[in-house]
Amino acid sequence: MDKQQLKQEAHDLDVTVWVGKSGLESVVDELDDQLTNRDLVKVKFLRAARAGSSTEEKAADLADRVDADLIDTRGHTAVLYR
């Protein structure tokens, strides 16, 4: 699938991973498990997680940690694909 198709498919997905004040380390394993079971996962970055950097930077870092592709970021939500 190309990126546009993945964005369309992700549109109706619910957020299933929330990154909070505990940071990225606390969600890496859960996100990895979810990406094993499904292709697309939406991740929401709460205010405490974004302190000092953008959602795009945090999402790219998280995607690298779980060996996934960052498909899209909108507001404080990212879509990851594997």
PDB file of N, CA and C in Angstrom:
ATOM      1  N   MET A   1       0.835  -1.190   0.000  1.00  0.00           N
ATOM      2  CA  MET A   1       0.000   0.000   0.000  1.00  0.00           C
ATOM      3  C   MET A   1       0.877   1.250   0.000  1.00  0.00           C
ATOM      4  N   ASP A   2       0.406   2.262  -0.694  1.00  0.00           N
ATOM      5  CA  ASP A   2       1.161   3.509  -0.661  1.00  0.00           C
ATOM      6  C   ASP A   2       0.710   4.354   0.540  1.00  0.00           C
ATOM      7  N   LYS A   3       1.450   5.417   0.777  1.00  0.00           N
ATOM      8  CA  LYS A   3       1.212   6.250   1.955  1.00  0.00           C
ATOM      9  C   LYS A   3      -0.193   6.843   1.985  1.00  0.00           C
ATOM     10  N   GLN A   4      -0.701   7.257   0.846  1.00  0.00           N
ATOM     11  CA  GLN A   4      -2.034   7.847   0.783  1.00  0.00           C
ATOM     12  C   GLN A   4      -3.104   6.838   1.187  1.00  0.00           C
ATOM     13  N   GLN A   5      -2.988   5.608   0.712  1.00  0.00           N
ATOM     14  CA  GLN A   5      -3.948   4.558   1.077  1.00  0.00           C
ATOM     15  C   GLN A   5      -3.885   4.269   2.577  1.00  0.00           C
ATOM     16  N   LEU A   6      -2.674   4.251   3.130  1.00  0.00           N
ATOM     17  CA  LEU A   6      -2.513   4.005   4.561  1.00  0.00           C
ATOM     18  C   LEU A   6      -3.136   5.129   5.386  1.00  0.00           C
ATOM     19  N   LYS A   7      -2.974   6.370   4.939  1.00  0.00           N
ATOM     20  CA  LYS A   7      -3.585   7.500   5.633  1.00  0.00           C
ATOM     21  C   LYS A   7      -5.101   7.373   5.636  1.00  0.00           C
ATOM     22  N   GLN A   8      -5.675   6.972   4.496  1.00  0.00           N
ATOM     23  CA  GLN A   8      -7.121   6.810   4.410  1.00  0.00           C
ATOM     24  C   GLN A   8      -7.597   5.693   5.325  1.00  0.00           C
ATOM     25  N   GLU A   9      -6.854   4.604   5.354  1.00  0.00           N
ATOM     26  CA  GLU A   9      -7.227   3.479   6.215  1.00  0.00           C
ATOM     27  C   GLU A   9      -7.129   3.869   7.690  1.00  0.00           C
ATOM     28  N   ALA A  10      -6.153   4.685   8.037  1.00  0.00           N
ATOM     29  CA  ALA A  10      -5.943   5.086   9.430  1.00  0.00           C
ATOM     30  C   ALA A  10      -6.974   6.102   9.911  1.00  0.00           C
ATOM     31  N   HIS A  11      -7.650   6.747   8.991  1.00  0.00           N
ATOM     32  CA  HIS A  11      -8.580   7.815   9.350  1.00  0.00           C
ATOM     33  C   HIS A  11      -9.606   7.384  10.402  1.00  0.00           C
ATOM     34  N   ASP A  12     -10.174   6.193  10.266  1.00  0.00           N
ATOM     35  CA  ASP A  12     -11.225   5.736  11.170  1.00  0.00           C
ATOM     36  C   ASP A  12     -10.714   4.926  12.360  1.00  0.00           C
ATOM     37  N   LEU A  13      -9.403   4.761  12.464  1.00  0.00           N
ATOM     38  CA  LEU A  13      -8.842   4.021  13.597  1.00  0.00           C
ATOM     39  C   LEU A  13      -8.941   4.832  14.886  1.00  0.00           C
ATOM     40  N   ASP A  14      -9.109   4.126  15.992  1.00  0.00           N
ATOM     41  CA  ASP A  14      -9.060   4.764  17.305  1.00  0.00           C
ATOM     42  C   ASP A  14      -7.616   4.755  17.799  1.00  0.00           C
ATOM     43  N   VAL A  15      -7.293   5.713  18.655  1.00  0.00           N
ATOM     44  CA  VAL A  15      -5.979   5.747  19.295  1.00  0.00           C
ATOM     45  C   VAL A  15      -5.911   4.569  20.268  1.00  0.00           C
ATOM     46  N   THR A  16      -4.832   3.793  20.197  1.00  0.00           N
ATOM     47  CA  THR A  16      -4.685   2.645  21.097  1.00  0.00           C
ATOM     48  C   THR A  16      -3.444   2.736  21.974  1.00  0.00           C
ATOM     49  N   VAL A  17      -2.579   3.726  21.723  1.00  0.00           N
ATOM     50  CA  VAL A  17      -1.383   3.923  22.551  1.00  0.00           C
ATOM     51  C   VAL A  17      -1.297   5.401  22.908  1.00  0.00           C
ATOM     52  N   TRP A  18      -1.140   5.681  24.213  1.00  0.00           N
ATOM     53  CA  TRP A  18      -0.992   7.045  24.687  1.00  0.00           C
ATOM     54  C   TRP A  18       0.383   7.185  25.319  1.00  0.00           C
ATOM     55  N   VAL A  19       1.126   8.205  24.903  1.00  0.00           N
ATOM     56  CA  VAL A  19       2.442   8.487  25.470  1.00  0.00           C
ATOM     57  C   VAL A  19       2.265   9.652  26.431  1.00  0.00           C
ATOM     58  N   GLY A  20       2.592   9.415  27.699  1.00  0.00           N
ATOM     59  CA  GLY A  20       2.422  10.437  28.731  1.00  0.00           C
ATOM     60  C   GLY A  20       3.730  10.838  29.349  1.00  0.00           C
ATOM     61  N   LYS A  21       3.661  11.245  30.621  1.00  0.00           N
ATOM     62  CA  LYS A  21       4.844  11.773  31.294  1.00  0.00           C
ATOM     63  C   LYS A  21       5.932  10.726  31.514  1.00  0.00           C
ATOM     64  N   SER A  22       5.590   9.441  31.418  1.00  0.00           N
ATOM     65  CA  SER A  22       6.604   8.385  31.568  1.00  0.00           C
ATOM     66  C   SER A  22       7.489   8.268  30.338  1.00  0.00           C
ATOM     67  N   GLY A  23       7.087   8.911  29.240  1.00  0.00           N
ATOM     68  CA  GLY A  23       7.921   8.952  28.044  1.00  0.00           C
ATOM     69  C   GLY A  23       7.750   7.769  27.125  1.00  0.00           C
ATOM     70  N   LEU A  24       8.610   7.731  26.117  1.00  0.00           N
ATOM     71  CA  LEU A  24       8.528   6.715  25.072  1.00  0.00           C
ATOM     72  C   LEU A  24       8.860   5.312  25.571  1.00  0.00           C
ATOM     73  N   GLU A  25       9.815   5.224  26.510  1.00  0.00           N
ATOM     74  CA  GLU A  25      10.265   3.915  26.975  1.00  0.00           C
ATOM     75  C   GLU A  25       9.117   3.072  27.512  1.00  0.00           C
ATOM     76  N   SER A  26       8.141   3.723  28.122  1.00  0.00           N
ATOM     77  CA  SER A  26       7.049   2.995  28.765  1.00  0.00           C
ATOM     78  C   SER A  26       6.057   2.394  27.763  1.00  0.00           C
ATOM     79  N   VAL A  27       6.091   2.823  26.502  1.00  0.00           N
ATOM     80  CA  VAL A  27       5.119   2.314  25.528  1.00  0.00           C
ATOM     81  C   VAL A  27       5.740   1.490  24.403  1.00  0.00           C
ATOM     82  N   VAL A  28       7.050   1.398  24.359  1.00  0.00           N
ATOM     83  CA  VAL A  28       7.720   0.711  23.255  1.00  0.00           C
ATOM     84  C   VAL A  28       7.257  -0.743  23.134  1.00  0.00           C
ATOM     85  N   ASP A  29       7.245  -1.481  24.237  1.00  0.00           N
ATOM     86  CA  ASP A  29       6.859  -2.894  24.176  1.00  0.00           C
ATOM     87  C   ASP A  29       5.406  -3.065  23.756  1.00  0.00           C
ATOM     88  N   GLU A  30       4.520  -2.251  24.324  1.00  0.00           N
ATOM     89  CA  GLU A  30       3.100  -2.329  23.970  1.00  0.00           C
ATOM     90  C   GLU A  30       2.880  -2.008  22.493  1.00  0.00           C
ATOM     91  N   LEU A  31       3.532  -0.964  22.013  1.00  0.00           N
ATOM     92  CA  LEU A  31       3.397  -0.588  20.608  1.00  0.00           C
ATOM     93  C   LEU A  31       3.945  -1.687  19.701  1.00  0.00           C
ATOM     94  N   ASP A  32       5.063  -2.264  20.073  1.00  0.00           N
ATOM     95  CA  ASP A  32       5.642  -3.354  19.294  1.00  0.00           C
ATOM     96  C   ASP A  32       4.665  -4.530  19.202  1.00  0.00           C
ATOM     97  N   ASP A  33       4.031  -4.877  20.322  1.00  0.00           N
ATOM     98  CA  ASP A  33       3.036  -5.959  20.321  1.00  0.00           C
ATOM     99  C   ASP A  33       1.856  -5.623  19.423  1.00  0.00           C
ATOM    100  N   GLN A  34       1.365  -4.386  19.491  1.00  0.00           N
ATOM    101  CA  GLN A  34       0.234  -3.999  18.669  1.00  0.00           C
ATOM    102  C   GLN A  34       0.576  -4.022  17.180  1.00  0.00           C
ATOM    103  N   LEU A  35       1.774  -3.587  16.839  1.00  0.00           N
ATOM    104  CA  LEU A  35       2.187  -3.603  15.432  1.00  0.00           C
ATOM    105  C   LEU A  35       2.389  -5.026  14.915  1.00  0.00           C
ATOM    106  N   THR A  36       2.652  -5.959  15.810  1.00  0.00           N
ATOM    107  CA  THR A  36       2.757  -7.360  15.416  1.00  0.00           C
ATOM    108  C   THR A  36       1.380  -7.904  15.041  1.00  0.00           C
ATOM    109  N   ASN A  37       0.350  -7.433  15.745  1.00  0.00           N
ATOM    110  CA  ASN A  37      -1.012  -7.937  15.541  1.00  0.00           C
ATOM    111  C   ASN A  37      -1.801  -7.192  14.480  1.00  0.00           C
ATOM    112  N   ARG A  38      -1.422  -5.970  14.174  1.00  0.00           N
ATOM    113  CA  ARG A  38      -2.123  -5.189  13.146  1.00  0.00           C
ATOM    114  C   ARG A  38      -1.121  -4.301  12.425  1.00  0.00           C
ATOM    115  N   ASP A  39      -1.502  -3.840  11.253  1.00  0.00           N
ATOM    116  CA  ASP A  39      -0.582  -3.065  10.423  1.00  0.00           C
ATOM    117  C   ASP A  39      -0.430  -1.619  10.877  1.00  0.00           C
ATOM    118  N   LEU A  40      -1.538  -1.000  11.241  1.00  0.00           N
ATOM    119  CA  LEU A  40      -1.541   0.421  11.581  1.00  0.00           C
ATOM    120  C   LEU A  40      -1.916   0.631  13.046  1.00  0.00           C
ATOM    121  N   VAL A  41      -1.214   1.562  13.691  1.00  0.00           N
ATOM    122  CA  VAL A  41      -1.519   1.913  15.079  1.00  0.00           C
ATOM    123  C   VAL A  41      -1.465   3.428  15.208  1.00  0.00           C
ATOM    124  N   LYS A  42      -2.476   3.987  15.884  1.00  0.00           N
ATOM    125  CA  LYS A  42      -2.477   5.418  16.179  1.00  0.00           C
ATOM    126  C   LYS A  42      -1.929   5.638  17.579  1.00  0.00           C
ATOM    127  N   VAL A  43      -1.056   6.635  17.703  1.00  0.00           N
ATOM    128  CA  VAL A  43      -0.414   6.967  18.969  1.00  0.00           C
ATOM    129  C   VAL A  43      -0.704   8.427  19.288  1.00  0.00           C
ATOM    130  N   LYS A  44      -1.157   8.694  20.506  1.00  0.00           N
ATOM    131  CA  LYS A  44      -1.440  10.064  20.952  1.00  0.00           C
ATOM    132  C   LYS A  44      -0.346  10.487  21.919  1.00  0.00           C
ATOM    133  N   PHE A  45       0.221  11.668  21.688  1.00  0.00           N
ATOM    134  CA  PHE A  45       1.258  12.216  22.556  1.00  0.00           C
ATOM    135  C   PHE A  45       0.625  13.276  23.452  1.00  0.00           C
ATOM    136  N   LEU A  46       0.522  12.973  24.728  1.00  0.00           N
ATOM    137  CA  LEU A  46      -0.056  13.914  25.683  1.00  0.00           C
ATOM    138  C   LEU A  46       0.930  15.044  25.958  1.00  0.00           C
ATOM    139  N   ARG A  47       0.438  16.120  26.520  1.00  0.00           N
ATOM    140  CA  ARG A  47       1.254  17.326  26.728  1.00  0.00           C
ATOM    141  C   ARG A  47       2.540  17.029  27.497  1.00  0.00           C
ATOM    142  N   ALA A  48       2.450  16.215  28.538  1.00  0.00           N
ATOM    143  CA  ALA A  48       3.625  15.914  29.368  1.00  0.00           C
ATOM    144  C   ALA A  48       4.715  15.198  28.568  1.00  0.00           C
ATOM    145  N   ALA A  49       4.335  14.438  27.555  1.00  0.00           N
ATOM    146  CA  ALA A  49       5.311  13.701  26.749  1.00  0.00           C
ATOM    147  C   ALA A  49       6.012  14.597  25.741  1.00  0.00           C
ATOM    148  N   ARG A  50       5.381  15.689  25.371  1.00  0.00           N
ATOM    149  CA  ARG A  50       5.924  16.548  24.313  1.00  0.00           C
ATOM    150  C   ARG A  50       6.853  17.634  24.828  1.00  0.00           C
ATOM    151  N   ALA A  51       7.042  17.735  26.099  1.00  0.00           N
ATOM    152  CA  ALA A  51       7.830  18.820  26.691  1.00  0.00           C
ATOM    153  C   ALA A  51       9.158  19.012  25.969  1.00  0.00           C
ATOM    154  N   GLY A  52       9.301  20.142  25.316  1.00  0.00           N
ATOM    155  CA  GLY A  52      10.570  20.491  24.701  1.00  0.00           C
ATOM    156  C   GLY A  52      10.792  20.023  23.280  1.00  0.00           C
ATOM    157  N   SER A  53       9.894  19.232  22.733  1.00  0.00           N
ATOM    158  CA  SER A  53      10.074  18.804  21.346  1.00  0.00           C
ATOM    159  C   SER A  53       8.714  18.642  20.668  1.00  0.00           C
ATOM    160  N   SER A  54       8.756  18.524  19.362  1.00  0.00           N
ATOM    161  CA  SER A  54       7.513  18.449  18.592  1.00  0.00           C
ATOM    162  C   SER A  54       6.980  17.016  18.538  1.00  0.00           C
ATOM    163  N   THR A  55       5.724  16.909  18.185  1.00  0.00           N
ATOM    164  CA  THR A  55       5.100  15.596  18.002  1.00  0.00           C
ATOM    165  C   THR A  55       5.822  14.820  16.915  1.00  0.00           C
ATOM    166  N   GLU A  56       6.212  15.501  15.842  1.00  0.00           N
ATOM    167  CA  GLU A  56       6.896  14.835  14.746  1.00  0.00           C
ATOM    168  C   GLU A  56       8.209  14.207  15.201  1.00  0.00           C
ATOM    169  N   GLU A  57       8.966  14.938  16.022  1.00  0.00           N
ATOM    170  CA  GLU A  57      10.242  14.413  16.528  1.00  0.00           C
ATOM    171  C   GLU A  57      10.023  13.196  17.414  1.00  0.00           C
ATOM    172  N   LYS A  58       9.067  13.298  18.312  1.00  0.00           N
ATOM    173  CA  LYS A  58       8.763  12.175  19.214  1.00  0.00           C
ATOM    174  C   LYS A  58       8.264  10.962  18.422  1.00  0.00           C
ATOM    175  N   ALA A  59       7.398  11.200  17.449  1.00  0.00           N
ATOM    176  CA  ALA A  59       6.843  10.108  16.647  1.00  0.00           C
ATOM    177  C   ALA A  59       7.931   9.423  15.829  1.00  0.00           C
ATOM    178  N   ALA A  60       8.842  10.193  15.256  1.00  0.00           N
ATOM    179  CA  ALA A  60       9.939   9.616  14.469  1.00  0.00           C
ATOM    180  C   ALA A  60      10.851   8.773  15.361  1.00  0.00           C
ATOM    181  N   ASP A  61      11.119   9.264  16.567  1.00  0.00           N
ATOM    182  CA  ASP A  61      11.945   8.518  17.516  1.00  0.00           C
ATOM    183  C   ASP A  61      11.258   7.207  17.896  1.00  0.00           C
ATOM    184  N   LEU A  62       9.967   7.263  18.170  1.00  0.00           N
ATOM    185  CA  LEU A  62       9.220   6.065  18.539  1.00  0.00           C
ATOM    186  C   LEU A  62       9.183   5.065  17.379  1.00  0.00           C
ATOM    187  N   ALA A  63       8.990   5.554  16.169  1.00  0.00           N
ATOM    188  CA  ALA A  63       8.975   4.684  14.987  1.00  0.00           C
ATOM    189  C   ALA A  63      10.316   3.963  14.830  1.00  0.00           C
ATOM    190  N   ASP A  64      11.413   4.675  15.059  1.00  0.00           N
ATOM    191  CA  ASP A  64      12.744   4.052  14.984  1.00  0.00           C
ATOM    192  C   ASP A  64      12.897   2.947  16.017  1.00  0.00           C
ATOM    193  N   ARG A  65      12.382   3.181  17.213  1.00  0.00           N
ATOM    194  CA  ARG A  65      12.536   2.213  18.307  1.00  0.00           C
ATOM    195  C   ARG A  65      11.784   0.905  18.058  1.00  0.00           C
ATOM    196  N   VAL A  66      10.688   0.980  17.308  1.00  0.00           N
ATOM    197  CA  VAL A  66       9.895  -0.238  17.053  1.00  0.00           C
ATOM    198  C   VAL A  66      10.027  -0.724  15.614  1.00  0.00           C
ATOM    199  N   ASP A  67      10.967  -0.142  14.875  1.00  0.00           N
ATOM    200  CA  ASP A  67      11.213  -0.519  13.480  1.00  0.00           C
ATOM    201  C   ASP A  67       9.935  -0.425  12.642  1.00  0.00           C
ATOM    202  N   ALA A  68       9.299   0.743  12.710  1.00  0.00           N
ATOM    203  CA  ALA A  68       8.065   0.994  11.960  1.00  0.00           C
ATOM    204  C   ALA A  68       8.241   2.241  11.110  1.00  0.00           C
ATOM    205  N   ASP A  69       7.289   2.451  10.200  1.00  0.00           N
ATOM    206  CA  ASP A  69       7.291   3.646   9.372  1.00  0.00           C
ATOM    207  C   ASP A  69       6.307   4.649   9.944  1.00  0.00           C
ATOM    208  N   LEU A  70       6.721   5.908   9.990  1.00  0.00           N
ATOM    209  CA  LEU A  70       5.829   6.981  10.401  1.00  0.00           C
ATOM    210  C   LEU A  70       5.040   7.412   9.169  1.00  0.00           C
ATOM    211  N   ILE A  71       3.742   7.178   9.179  1.00  0.00           N
ATOM    212  CA  ILE A  71       2.896   7.459   8.027  1.00  0.00           C
ATOM    213  C   ILE A  71       2.402   8.894   8.040  1.00  0.00           C
ATOM    214  N   ASP A  72       1.976   9.374   9.219  1.00  0.00           N
ATOM    215  CA  ASP A  72       1.365  10.698   9.283  1.00  0.00           C
ATOM    216  C   ASP A  72       1.367  11.203  10.715  1.00  0.00           C
ATOM    217  N   THR A  73       1.427  12.522  10.874  1.00  0.00           N
ATOM    218  CA  THR A  73       1.165  13.144  12.169  1.00  0.00           C
ATOM    219  C   THR A  73       0.153  14.252  11.938  1.00  0.00           C
ATOM    220  N   ARG A  74      -0.821  14.317  12.811  1.00  0.00           N
ATOM    221  CA  ARG A  74      -1.822  15.386  12.772  1.00  0.00           C
ATOM    222  C   ARG A  74      -2.060  15.825  14.198  1.00  0.00           C
ATOM    223  N   GLY A  75      -1.812  17.083  14.444  1.00  0.00           N
ATOM    224  CA  GLY A  75      -1.951  17.563  15.823  1.00  0.00           C
ATOM    225  C   GLY A  75      -0.955  16.842  16.693  1.00  0.00           C
ATOM    226  N   HIS A  76      -1.470  16.139  17.683  1.00  0.00           N
ATOM    227  CA  HIS A  76      -0.603  15.409  18.616  1.00  0.00           C
ATOM    228  C   HIS A  76      -0.764  13.904  18.464  1.00  0.00           C
ATOM    229  N   THR A  77      -1.206  13.474  17.294  1.00  0.00           N
ATOM    230  CA  THR A  77      -1.434  12.054  17.009  1.00  0.00           C
ATOM    231  C   THR A  77      -0.586  11.620  15.821  1.00  0.00           C
ATOM    232  N   ALA A  78      -0.027  10.433  15.928  1.00  0.00           N
ATOM    233  CA  ALA A  78       0.805   9.873  14.859  1.00  0.00           C
ATOM    234  C   ALA A  78       0.256   8.512  14.447  1.00  0.00           C
ATOM    235  N   VAL A  79       0.494   8.161  13.192  1.00  0.00           N
ATOM    236  CA  VAL A  79       0.109   6.852  12.676  1.00  0.00           C
ATOM    237  C   VAL A  79       1.389   6.116  12.295  1.00  0.00           C
ATOM    238  N   LEU A  80       1.551   4.916  12.846  1.00  0.00           N
ATOM    239  CA  LEU A  80       2.725   4.101  12.567  1.00  0.00           C
ATOM    240  C   LEU A  80       2.299   2.839  11.824  1.00  0.00           C
ATOM    241  N   TYR A  81       3.164   2.367  10.933  1.00  0.00           N
ATOM    242  CA  TYR A  81       2.859   1.211  10.089  1.00  0.00           C
ATOM    243  C   TYR A  81       4.035   0.257  10.064  1.00  0.00           C
ATOM    244  N   ARG A  82       3.721  -1.038  10.126  1.00  0.00           N
ATOM    245  CA  ARG A  82       4.775  -2.046   9.943  1.00  0.00           C
ATOM    246  C   ARG A  82       4.198  -3.209   9.189  1.00  0.00           C
TER     247      ARG A  82
END
